[in-house]
Amino acid sequence: MDSKTRDSVVRIFKELSEKGQTILVVTHDPEVAKECSRVLRITDGIINDNLRHWTKND
């Protein structure tokens, strides 16, 4: 998806989350992940990171 559409989708997800809706996002895009309040990194089917405030440097 292009970056403009991505940003629109992320904005909608954040609005829903602020209203109490649980949102699950699966992504390879670090720009999307940095907008999430929690990020689980999974490698070979195993959770290897459980980050509450993810940054690109994590």
PDB file of N, CA and C in Angstrom:
ATOM      1  N   MET A   1       0.849  -1.160   0.000  1.00  0.00           N
ATOM      2  CA  MET A   1       0.000   0.000   0.000  1.00  0.00           C
ATOM      3  C   MET A   1       0.903   1.233   0.000  1.00  0.00           C
ATOM      4  N   ASP A   2       0.469   2.281  -0.647  1.00  0.00           N
ATOM      5  CA  ASP A   2       1.267   3.504  -0.701  1.00  0.00           C
ATOM      6  C   ASP A   2       1.240   4.214   0.659  1.00  0.00           C
ATOM      7  N   SER A   3       2.188   5.109   0.882  1.00  0.00           N
ATOM      8  CA  SER A   3       2.342   5.740   2.199  1.00  0.00           C
ATOM      9  C   SER A   3       1.147   6.607   2.588  1.00  0.00           C
ATOM     10  N   LYS A   4       0.508   7.247   1.641  1.00  0.00           N
ATOM     11  CA  LYS A   4      -0.661   8.079   1.955  1.00  0.00           C
ATOM     12  C   LYS A   4      -1.814   7.214   2.468  1.00  0.00           C
ATOM     13  N   THR A   5      -2.067   6.108   1.787  1.00  0.00           N
ATOM     14  CA  THR A   5      -3.118   5.188   2.227  1.00  0.00           C
ATOM     15  C   THR A   5      -2.755   4.563   3.563  1.00  0.00           C
ATOM     16  N   ARG A   6      -1.497   4.160   3.714  1.00  0.00           N
ATOM     17  CA  ARG A   6      -1.011   3.599   4.974  1.00  0.00           C
ATOM     18  C   ARG A   6      -1.303   4.544   6.129  1.00  0.00           C
ATOM     19  N   ASP A   7      -0.965   5.814   5.954  1.00  0.00           N
ATOM     20  CA  ASP A   7      -1.170   6.803   7.007  1.00  0.00           C
ATOM     21  C   ASP A   7      -2.651   6.964   7.345  1.00  0.00           C
ATOM     22  N   SER A   8      -3.499   6.902   6.337  1.00  0.00           N
ATOM     23  CA  SER A   8      -4.951   6.995   6.567  1.00  0.00           C
ATOM     24  C   SER A   8      -5.461   5.799   7.369  1.00  0.00           C
ATOM     25  N   VAL A   9      -5.003   4.613   6.997  1.00  0.00           N
ATOM     26  CA  VAL A   9      -5.421   3.400   7.704  1.00  0.00           C
ATOM     27  C   VAL A   9      -4.940   3.432   9.150  1.00  0.00           C
ATOM     28  N   VAL A  10      -3.699   3.818   9.370  1.00  0.00           N
ATOM     29  CA  VAL A  10      -3.158   3.903  10.732  1.00  0.00           C
ATOM     30  C   VAL A  10      -3.952   4.912  11.552  1.00  0.00           C
ATOM     31  N   ARG A  11      -4.306   6.024  10.954  1.00  0.00           N
ATOM     32  CA  ARG A  11      -5.089   7.048  11.663  1.00  0.00           C
ATOM     33  C   ARG A  11      -6.453   6.475  12.088  1.00  0.00           C
ATOM     34  N   ILE A  12      -7.098   5.745  11.194  1.00  0.00           N
ATOM     35  CA  ILE A  12      -8.389   5.120  11.526  1.00  0.00           C
ATOM     36  C   ILE A  12      -8.207   4.112  12.662  1.00  0.00           C
ATOM     37  N   PHE A  13      -7.167   3.292  12.590  1.00  0.00           N
ATOM     38  CA  PHE A  13      -6.914   2.317  13.654  1.00  0.00           C
ATOM     39  C   PHE A  13      -6.682   3.012  14.993  1.00  0.00           C
ATOM     40  N   LYS A  14      -5.939   4.105  14.991  1.00  0.00           N
ATOM     41  CA  LYS A  14      -5.680   4.833  16.239  1.00  0.00           C
ATOM     42  C   LYS A  14      -6.967   5.426  16.810  1.00  0.00           C
ATOM     43  N   GLU A  15      -7.819   5.954  15.956  1.00  0.00           N
ATOM     44  CA  GLU A  15      -9.101   6.501  16.415  1.00  0.00           C
ATOM     45  C   GLU A  15      -9.959   5.416  17.047  1.00  0.00           C
ATOM     46  N   LEU A  16     -10.002   4.243  16.410  1.00  0.00           N
ATOM     47  CA  LEU A  16     -10.768   3.129  16.960  1.00  0.00           C
ATOM     48  C   LEU A  16     -10.187   2.670  18.294  1.00  0.00           C
ATOM     49  N   SER A  17      -8.886   2.603  18.385  1.00  0.00           N
ATOM     50  CA  SER A  17      -8.218   2.196  19.612  1.00  0.00           C
ATOM     51  C   SER A  17      -8.518   3.165  20.755  1.00  0.00           C
ATOM     52  N   GLU A  18      -8.509   4.453  20.460  1.00  0.00           N
ATOM     53  CA  GLU A  18      -8.809   5.470  21.475  1.00  0.00           C
ATOM     54  C   GLU A  18     -10.239   5.349  21.996  1.00  0.00           C
ATOM     55  N   LYS A  19     -11.113   4.740  21.186  1.00  0.00           N
ATOM     56  CA  LYS A  19     -12.502   4.526  21.599  1.00  0.00           C
ATOM     57  C   LYS A  19     -12.675   3.192  22.327  1.00  0.00           C
ATOM     58  N   GLY A  20     -11.574   2.470  22.544  1.00  0.00           N
ATOM     59  CA  GLY A  20     -11.631   1.228  23.292  1.00  0.00           C
ATOM     60  C   GLY A  20     -11.627  -0.041  22.470  1.00  0.00           C
ATOM     61  N   GLN A  21     -11.576   0.081  21.165  1.00  0.00           N
ATOM     62  CA  GLN A  21     -11.566  -1.090  20.290  1.00  0.00           C
ATOM     63  C   GLN A  21     -10.158  -1.685  20.245  1.00  0.00           C
ATOM     64  N   THR A  22     -10.053  -2.995  20.373  1.00  0.00           N
ATOM     65  CA  THR A  22      -8.763  -3.668  20.236  1.00  0.00           C
ATOM     66  C   THR A  22      -8.438  -3.811  18.754  1.00  0.00           C
ATOM     67  N   ILE A  23      -7.222  -3.441  18.397  1.00  0.00           N
ATOM     68  CA  ILE A  23      -6.765  -3.516  17.007  1.00  0.00           C
ATOM     69  C   ILE A  23      -5.525  -4.406  16.961  1.00  0.00           C
ATOM     70  N   LEU A  24      -5.529  -5.380  16.091  1.00  0.00           N
ATOM     71  CA  LEU A  24      -4.374  -6.243  15.874  1.00  0.00           C
ATOM     72  C   LEU A  24      -3.851  -5.971  14.470  1.00  0.00           C
ATOM     73  N   VAL A  25      -2.583  -5.586  14.384  1.00  0.00           N
ATOM     74  CA  VAL A  25      -1.962  -5.270  13.099  1.00  0.00           C
ATOM     75  C   VAL A  25      -0.783  -6.210  12.892  1.00  0.00           C
ATOM     76  N   VAL A  26      -0.701  -6.807  11.735  1.00  0.00           N
ATOM     77  CA  VAL A  26       0.451  -7.610  11.354  1.00  0.00           C
ATOM     78  C   VAL A  26       1.134  -6.875  10.212  1.00  0.00           C
ATOM     79  N   THR A  27       2.422  -6.535  10.412  1.00  0.00           N
ATOM     80  CA  THR A  27       3.101  -5.708   9.414  1.00  0.00           C
ATOM     81  C   THR A  27       4.595  -5.988   9.368  1.00  0.00           C
ATOM     82  N   HIS A  28       5.182  -5.680   8.244  1.00  0.00           N
ATOM     83  CA  HIS A  28       6.633  -5.671   8.084  1.00  0.00           C
ATOM     84  C   HIS A  28       7.122  -4.226   7.965  1.00  0.00           C
ATOM     85  N   ASP A  29       6.201  -3.279   8.033  1.00  0.00           N
ATOM     86  CA  ASP A  29       6.506  -1.862   7.828  1.00  0.00           C
ATOM     87  C   ASP A  29       6.848  -1.191   9.165  1.00  0.00           C
ATOM     88  N   PRO A  30       8.093  -0.776   9.372  1.00  0.00           N
ATOM     89  CA  PRO A  30       8.474  -0.136  10.634  1.00  0.00           C
ATOM     90  C   PRO A  30       7.722   1.171  10.898  1.00  0.00           C
ATOM     91  N   GLU A  31       7.269   1.846   9.842  1.00  0.00           N
ATOM     92  CA  GLU A  31       6.499   3.079  10.023  1.00  0.00           C
ATOM     93  C   GLU A  31       5.145   2.786  10.659  1.00  0.00           C
ATOM     94  N   VAL A  32       4.561   1.652  10.327  1.00  0.00           N
ATOM     95  CA  VAL A  32       3.302   1.244  10.947  1.00  0.00           C
ATOM     96  C   VAL A  32       3.569   0.783  12.374  1.00  0.00           C
ATOM     97  N   ALA A  33       4.585  -0.044  12.561  1.00  0.00           N
ATOM     98  CA  ALA A  33       4.896  -0.586  13.893  1.00  0.00           C
ATOM     99  C   ALA A  33       5.176   0.514  14.903  1.00  0.00           C
ATOM    100  N   LYS A  34       5.841   1.586  14.485  1.00  0.00           N
ATOM    101  CA  LYS A  34       6.174   2.646  15.448  1.00  0.00           C
ATOM    102  C   LYS A  34       4.935   3.392  15.945  1.00  0.00           C
ATOM    103  N   GLU A  35       3.818   3.256  15.260  1.00  0.00           N
ATOM    104  CA  GLU A  35       2.575   3.893  15.683  1.00  0.00           C
ATOM    105  C   GLU A  35       1.785   3.035  16.674  1.00  0.00           C
ATOM    106  N   CYS A  36       2.231   1.808  16.869  1.00  0.00           N
ATOM    107  CA  CYS A  36       1.524   0.877  17.747  1.00  0.00           C
ATOM    108  C   CYS A  36       1.986   1.029  19.194  1.00  0.00           C
ATOM    109  N   SER A  37       1.070   0.811  20.126  1.00  0.00           N
ATOM    110  CA  SER A  37       1.406   0.939  21.539  1.00  0.00           C
ATOM    111  C   SER A  37       2.152  -0.287  22.061  1.00  0.00           C
ATOM    112  N   ARG A  38       2.046  -1.391  21.355  1.00  0.00           N
ATOM    113  CA  ARG A  38       2.740  -2.619  21.749  1.00  0.00           C
ATOM    114  C   ARG A  38       3.124  -3.382  20.496  1.00  0.00           C
ATOM    115  N   VAL A  39       4.352  -3.914  20.477  1.00  0.00           N
ATOM    116  CA  VAL A  39       4.841  -4.664  19.323  1.00  0.00           C
ATOM    117  C   VAL A  39       5.414  -5.991  19.807  1.00  0.00           C
ATOM    118  N   LEU A  40       4.931  -7.064  19.237  1.00  0.00           N
ATOM    119  CA  LEU A  40       5.494  -8.393  19.484  1.00  0.00           C
ATOM    120  C   LEU A  40       6.286  -8.786  18.250  1.00  0.00           C
ATOM    121  N   ARG A  41       7.542  -9.127  18.436  1.00  0.00           N
ATOM    122  CA  ARG A  41       8.349  -9.617  17.314  1.00  0.00           C
ATOM    123  C   ARG A  41       8.373 -11.133  17.390  1.00  0.00           C
ATOM    124  N   ILE A  42       8.068 -11.759  16.289  1.00  0.00           N
ATOM    125  CA  ILE A  42       8.005 -13.213  16.234  1.00  0.00           C
ATOM    126  C   ILE A  42       9.022 -13.714  15.213  1.00  0.00           C
ATOM    127  N   THR A  43       9.861 -14.644  15.650  1.00  0.00           N
ATOM    128  CA  THR A  43      10.844 -15.264  14.778  1.00  0.00           C
ATOM    129  C   THR A  43      10.693 -16.767  14.885  1.00  0.00           C
ATOM    130  N   ASP A  44      10.525 -17.430  13.768  1.00  0.00           N
ATOM    131  CA  ASP A  44      10.369 -18.891  13.744  1.00  0.00           C
ATOM    132  C   ASP A  44       9.270 -19.358  14.690  1.00  0.00           C
ATOM    133  N   GLY A  45       8.179 -18.597  14.767  1.00  0.00           N
ATOM    134  CA  GLY A  45       7.034 -18.979  15.582  1.00  0.00           C
ATOM    135  C   GLY A  45       7.176 -18.708  17.067  1.00  0.00           C
ATOM    136  N   ILE A  46       8.245 -18.040  17.471  1.00  0.00           N
ATOM    137  CA  ILE A  46       8.498 -17.761  18.886  1.00  0.00           C
ATOM    138  C   ILE A  46       8.547 -16.255  19.106  1.00  0.00           C
ATOM    139  N   ILE A  47       7.819 -15.786  20.143  1.00  0.00           N
ATOM    140  CA  ILE A  47       7.880 -14.362  20.493  1.00  0.00           C
ATOM    141  C   ILE A  47       9.249 -14.091  21.100  1.00  0.00           C
ATOM    142  N   ASN A  48      10.025 -13.217  20.456  1.00  0.00           N
ATOM    143  CA  ASN A  48      11.359 -12.923  20.968  1.00  0.00           C
ATOM    144  C   ASN A  48      11.503 -11.491  21.473  1.00  0.00           C
ATOM    145  N   ASP A  49      10.517 -10.657  21.272  1.00  0.00           N
ATOM    146  CA  ASP A  49      10.495  -9.301  21.828  1.00  0.00           C
ATOM    147  C   ASP A  49       9.051  -8.938  22.133  1.00  0.00           C
ATOM    148  N   ASN A  50       8.848  -8.271  23.259  1.00  0.00           N
ATOM    149  CA  ASN A  50       7.526  -7.786  23.654  1.00  0.00           C
ATOM    150  C   ASN A  50       7.736  -6.344  24.090  1.00  0.00           C
ATOM    151  N   LEU A  51       7.582  -5.421  23.138  1.00  0.00           N
ATOM    152  CA  LEU A  51       7.925  -4.020  23.357  1.00  0.00           C
ATOM    153  C   LEU A  51       6.677  -3.177  23.567  1.00  0.00           C
ATOM    154  N   ARG A  52       6.680  -2.327  24.583  1.00  0.00           N
ATOM    155  CA  ARG A  52       5.540  -1.448  24.856  1.00  0.00           C
ATOM    156  C   ARG A  52       5.616  -0.156  24.048  1.00  0.00           C
ATOM    157  N   HIS A  53       6.798   0.386  23.881  1.00  0.00           N
ATOM    158  CA  HIS A  53       6.962   1.632  23.118  1.00  0.00           C
ATOM    159  C   HIS A  53       8.113   1.425  22.150  1.00  0.00           C
ATOM    160  N   TRP A  54       7.771   0.965  20.963  1.00  0.00           N
ATOM    161  CA  TRP A  54       8.749   0.576  19.963  1.00  0.00           C
ATOM    162  C   TRP A  54       9.295   1.788  19.224  1.00  0.00           C
ATOM    163  N   THR A  55      10.576   1.762  18.915  1.00  0.00           N
ATOM    164  CA  THR A  55      11.189   2.766  18.033  1.00  0.00           C
ATOM    165  C   THR A  55      11.951   2.011  16.954  1.00  0.00           C
ATOM    166  N   LYS A  56      12.330   2.707  15.910  1.00  0.00           N
ATOM    167  CA  LYS A  56      13.069   2.070  14.823  1.00  0.00           C
ATOM    168  C   LYS A  56      14.385   1.476  15.307  1.00  0.00           C
ATOM    169  N   ASN A  57      14.932   1.992  16.416  1.00  0.00           N
ATOM    170  CA  ASN A  57      16.212   1.509  16.929  1.00  0.00           C
ATOM    171  C   ASN A  57      16.085   0.229  17.733  1.00  0.00           C
ATOM    172  N   ASP A  58      14.870  -0.184  18.070  1.00  0.00           N
ATOM    173  CA  ASP A  58      14.675  -1.409  18.863  1.00  0.00           C
ATOM    174  C   ASP A  58      14.873  -2.643  18.018  1.00  0.00           C
TER     175      ASP A  58
END
